[in-house]
Protein backbone atom coordinates (compact mmCIF):
# COMPACT_ATOMS: atom_id res chain seq x y z
CA MET A 1 -22.94 -100.97 208.30
CA GLU A 2 -22.01 -100.00 204.85
CA GLU A 3 -24.36 -101.89 203.59
CA VAL A 4 -27.28 -100.25 205.35
CA LEU A 5 -25.53 -96.79 204.69
CA ASP A 6 -25.61 -97.32 201.12
CA LEU A 7 -29.16 -97.84 201.12
CA TYR A 8 -29.51 -94.70 202.88
CA GLU A 9 -28.15 -92.51 200.27
CA GLU A 10 -30.07 -93.96 197.55
CA PRO A 11 -32.58 -91.59 195.89
CA TYR A 12 -36.19 -92.64 196.78
CA ASP A 13 -37.68 -95.11 194.38
CA GLU A 14 -41.45 -96.11 195.12
CA LYS A 15 -40.94 -99.54 193.35
CA TYR A 16 -37.90 -100.40 196.00
CA PRO A 17 -38.76 -98.38 198.76
CA VAL A 18 -36.27 -98.67 201.84
CA VAL A 19 -38.40 -99.01 205.31
CA CYS A 20 -36.55 -99.13 209.03
CA LEU A 21 -38.29 -101.35 211.27
CA ASP A 22 -38.28 -101.46 214.90
CA GLU A 23 -40.23 -102.02 217.73
CA LYS A 24 -41.27 -100.91 221.43
CA PRO A 25 -42.76 -102.37 224.55
CA TYR A 26 -45.04 -99.65 226.05
CA GLN A 27 -46.40 -99.57 229.65
CA LEU A 28 -50.23 -98.27 229.81
CA THR A 29 -50.70 -96.37 233.00
CA GLU A 30 -53.50 -94.88 234.21
CA GLN A 31 -54.03 -91.83 236.57
CA THR A 32 -55.41 -92.43 240.19
CA HIS A 33 -55.86 -88.48 240.65
CA GLU A 34 -56.94 -85.96 238.14
CA PRO A 35 -53.76 -83.70 237.70
CA LEU A 36 -54.01 -79.63 238.76
CA SER A 37 -55.46 -77.13 236.85
CA VAL A 38 -52.31 -75.80 234.62
CA ASP A 39 -51.29 -71.97 235.23
CA GLU A 40 -50.25 -70.33 232.13
CA GLY A 41 -46.36 -70.61 231.96
CA LYS A 42 -46.21 -73.69 234.29
CA PRO A 43 -46.02 -77.03 233.91
CA GLN A 44 -49.01 -79.66 234.66
CA ARG A 45 -48.95 -81.22 237.95
CA GLU A 46 -49.69 -84.68 238.46
CA ASP A 47 -49.87 -86.82 241.52
CA TYR A 48 -46.88 -89.33 241.65
CA THR A 49 -48.82 -92.46 241.90
CA TYR A 50 -50.72 -94.35 239.16
CA LYS A 51 -52.21 -97.59 238.22
CA ARG A 52 -50.35 -100.25 235.70
CA ASN A 53 -53.05 -101.55 233.19
CA GLY A 54 -50.75 -103.97 231.33
CA THR A 55 -48.27 -103.50 228.54
CA CYS A 56 -48.41 -103.62 224.61
CA ASN A 57 -46.26 -103.34 222.22
CA LEU A 58 -45.48 -100.94 218.87
CA PHE A 59 -44.01 -101.63 215.66
CA ILE A 60 -42.80 -98.49 213.55
CA ALA A 61 -42.17 -98.61 210.00
CA LEU A 62 -40.20 -95.71 208.60
CA CYS A 63 -39.87 -94.83 204.94
CA PRO A 64 -36.90 -92.33 205.51
CA GLN A 65 -36.54 -91.11 201.84
CA GLY A 66 -40.22 -90.94 201.35
CA GLY A 67 -41.05 -88.96 204.50
CA TYR A 68 -43.85 -91.48 205.53
CA ARG A 69 -43.89 -93.49 208.60
CA HIS A 70 -46.92 -96.00 210.32
CA VAL A 71 -47.10 -97.40 213.95
CA GLU A 72 -49.01 -100.51 214.71
CA VAL A 73 -49.93 -100.86 218.47
CA THR A 74 -50.05 -104.73 219.33
CA GLY A 75 -50.85 -106.59 222.32
CA GLN A 76 -47.44 -108.56 221.84
CA ARG A 77 -44.68 -108.73 220.02
CA LYS A 78 -44.54 -112.54 219.23
CA ALA A 79 -43.31 -113.75 215.59
CA GLU A 80 -46.77 -114.11 214.51
CA ASP A 81 -47.47 -110.20 215.14
CA TYR A 82 -44.20 -109.52 213.49
CA ALA A 83 -45.64 -111.66 210.16
CA ASP A 84 -48.65 -109.79 210.25
CA PHE A 85 -46.88 -106.29 210.28
CA LEU A 86 -44.87 -107.53 207.41
CA LYS A 87 -48.06 -108.46 205.35
CA GLU A 88 -49.60 -105.15 206.33
CA LEU A 89 -46.31 -103.26 204.70
CA VAL A 90 -46.70 -105.26 201.51
CA ASP A 91 -50.35 -105.06 200.99
CA ILE A 92 -51.62 -102.01 202.42
CA ARG A 93 -48.41 -99.85 203.12
CA PHE A 94 -46.52 -100.20 200.17
CA PRO A 95 -48.79 -102.20 197.35
CA LYS A 96 -46.95 -100.85 194.23
CA ALA A 97 -43.45 -101.57 195.51
CA ASN A 98 -41.65 -104.87 193.71
CA LYS A 99 -39.33 -104.89 196.59
CA ILE A 100 -39.35 -103.77 200.11
CA ARG A 101 -35.61 -102.97 201.62
CA ILE A 102 -36.23 -103.66 205.19
CA VAL A 103 -33.66 -102.40 207.83
CA GLN A 104 -33.85 -104.05 211.28
CA ASP A 105 -31.95 -105.37 214.02
CA ASN A 106 -31.03 -109.08 214.38
CA LEU A 107 -34.01 -109.94 217.26
CA ASN A 108 -34.84 -113.52 216.81
CA THR A 109 -38.24 -112.96 215.34
CA HIS A 110 -36.99 -110.49 212.53
CA LYS A 111 -36.61 -113.20 209.99
CA GLY A 112 -38.68 -115.12 206.93
CA ALA A 113 -39.21 -117.86 209.20
CA SER A 114 -41.66 -116.00 211.15
CA LEU A 115 -44.05 -115.78 207.81
CA TYR A 116 -44.44 -119.45 207.82
CA LYS A 117 -45.16 -119.68 211.45
CA ARG A 118 -48.57 -117.26 210.95
CA PHE A 119 -49.42 -118.06 207.34
CA SER A 120 -49.40 -121.01 205.04
CA ALA A 121 -46.60 -121.71 202.92
CA GLU A 122 -47.92 -120.38 199.86
CA GLU A 123 -48.88 -117.10 201.39
CA ALA A 124 -45.56 -116.77 203.23
CA ARG A 125 -43.65 -117.20 200.21
CA ARG A 126 -45.94 -114.68 198.39
CA ILE A 127 -45.13 -111.92 201.08
CA TYR A 128 -41.63 -112.94 201.44
CA ARG A 129 -40.66 -112.55 197.65
CA ARG A 130 -41.74 -108.92 198.36
CA LEU A 131 -39.35 -108.23 200.92
CA ASP A 132 -35.19 -107.85 200.97
CA PHE A 133 -33.82 -107.71 204.43
CA HIS A 134 -30.88 -105.86 205.66
CA TYR A 135 -29.56 -106.33 209.10
CA THR A 136 -27.73 -103.67 211.42
CA PRO A 137 -24.59 -104.87 213.01
CA LYS A 138 -24.71 -106.46 216.30
CA HIS A 139 -24.63 -103.66 219.00
CA ALA A 140 -25.20 -101.05 216.26
CA SER A 141 -28.67 -100.90 216.38
CA TRP A 142 -28.53 -97.04 216.21
CA LEU A 143 -27.88 -97.37 212.38
CA ASN A 144 -31.90 -98.29 212.12
CA MET A 145 -33.33 -94.93 211.47
CA ALA A 146 -36.75 -96.12 213.08
CA GLU A 147 -35.15 -95.51 216.44
CA ILE A 148 -34.79 -92.14 216.05
CA GLU A 149 -38.66 -91.78 215.24
CA ILE A 150 -39.50 -94.05 218.02
CA HIS A 151 -37.75 -91.56 220.13
CA ILE A 152 -39.59 -88.30 218.45
CA LEU A 153 -42.81 -90.55 218.98
CA GLY A 154 -42.17 -90.77 222.73
CA LYS A 155 -41.08 -87.28 223.10
CA GLN A 156 -44.04 -85.61 220.79
CA CYS A 157 -46.86 -88.14 221.68
CA ILE A 158 -46.63 -90.93 224.23
CA ASP A 159 -44.43 -89.78 227.04
CA ARG A 160 -47.28 -89.45 229.65
CA ARG A 161 -49.96 -91.62 231.15
CA ILE A 162 -51.92 -93.37 228.92
CA GLY A 163 -54.61 -95.83 230.23
CA ASP A 164 -56.06 -98.24 227.35
CA VAL A 165 -55.23 -99.44 224.23
CA ASP A 166 -57.98 -97.60 221.98
CA LYS A 167 -56.58 -94.15 223.48
CA LEU A 168 -52.84 -94.80 222.90
CA LYS A 169 -54.18 -96.06 219.05
CA HIS A 170 -55.93 -92.81 218.93
CA GLU A 171 -53.25 -90.21 220.26
CA ILE A 172 -50.77 -92.21 217.67
CA SER A 173 -52.92 -92.08 215.10
CA ILE A 174 -53.31 -88.22 215.36
CA TRP A 175 -49.21 -87.91 215.60
CA GLU A 176 -48.78 -90.36 212.32
CA ILE A 177 -51.08 -88.67 210.43
CA GLU A 178 -49.87 -84.98 211.08
CA ARG A 179 -46.22 -85.95 210.40
CA ASN A 180 -46.79 -87.97 207.12
CA GLN A 181 -48.78 -84.71 206.00
CA ARG A 182 -45.82 -82.75 206.45
CA GLN A 183 -43.60 -85.96 205.06
CA VAL A 184 -41.25 -85.00 207.65
CA LYS A 185 -37.66 -87.08 207.12
CA VAL A 186 -34.97 -87.84 208.90
CA ASN A 187 -31.79 -85.40 208.66
CA TRP A 188 -29.30 -88.39 208.48
CA GLN A 189 -25.59 -87.40 207.83
CA PHE A 190 -23.68 -90.34 208.88
CA THR A 191 -22.28 -91.76 205.56
CA THR A 192 -20.05 -94.49 204.08
CA GLU A 193 -17.02 -92.25 203.82
CA LYS A 194 -17.59 -90.78 207.54
CA ALA A 195 -18.13 -94.39 209.06
CA ARG A 196 -14.65 -95.31 207.29
CA ALA A 197 -12.78 -92.24 208.84
CA LYS A 198 -14.52 -92.66 212.28
CA PHE A 199 -13.99 -96.78 212.44
CA ASP A 200 -10.62 -96.50 210.81
CA ARG A 201 -9.08 -98.67 213.19
CA ALA A 202 -11.69 -101.32 213.02
CA TYR A 203 -10.96 -101.32 209.42
CA ASN A 204 -7.43 -101.60 209.90
CA ILE A 205 -7.98 -104.97 212.08
CA ILE A 206 -10.21 -106.14 209.35
CA LYS A 207 -7.45 -105.51 206.76
CA ASN A 208 -4.62 -106.99 208.73
């Protein structure tokens, strides 16, 4: 926990950016009836029935100190998809970084071995050398700021019926561009000092 919190307290360094990574399944749903027209000051009314169009996966990378985020929509969330996302971070999103310090949870695909499932050994090693993995403790994934950004994405953009992947990508892209232009950052206030005060019982158990 303290390792992750120490990263959050560091000033932004484009050569060693901290990037929080997480993923979320998304259910594609389509309207079966057109929603009723909206009267001013009243919420939109829609039929309770809908059509399921399958699921997809959202990978999200958040650079909290830099006010930058990127969301990638994939058909699934296998190790190979995770590897492709890491490669994109290295080669496209943060090409000038010496090391990208990844904060993530302990999902079984969240490891360097996933790169070797997707790429040749040489390519996997090239990508891996640019990454530095940091894991949130088990049962404490809330320490990953990407979870906050996923929640905001849901409330502001995708908490509605979207029936196909192309429309989902389009809507998320608009949301992402707008937030990146404003360089919206997370107001993170949970520090190592506060953690030691809040979890003093756990610290005492370790000490004893």
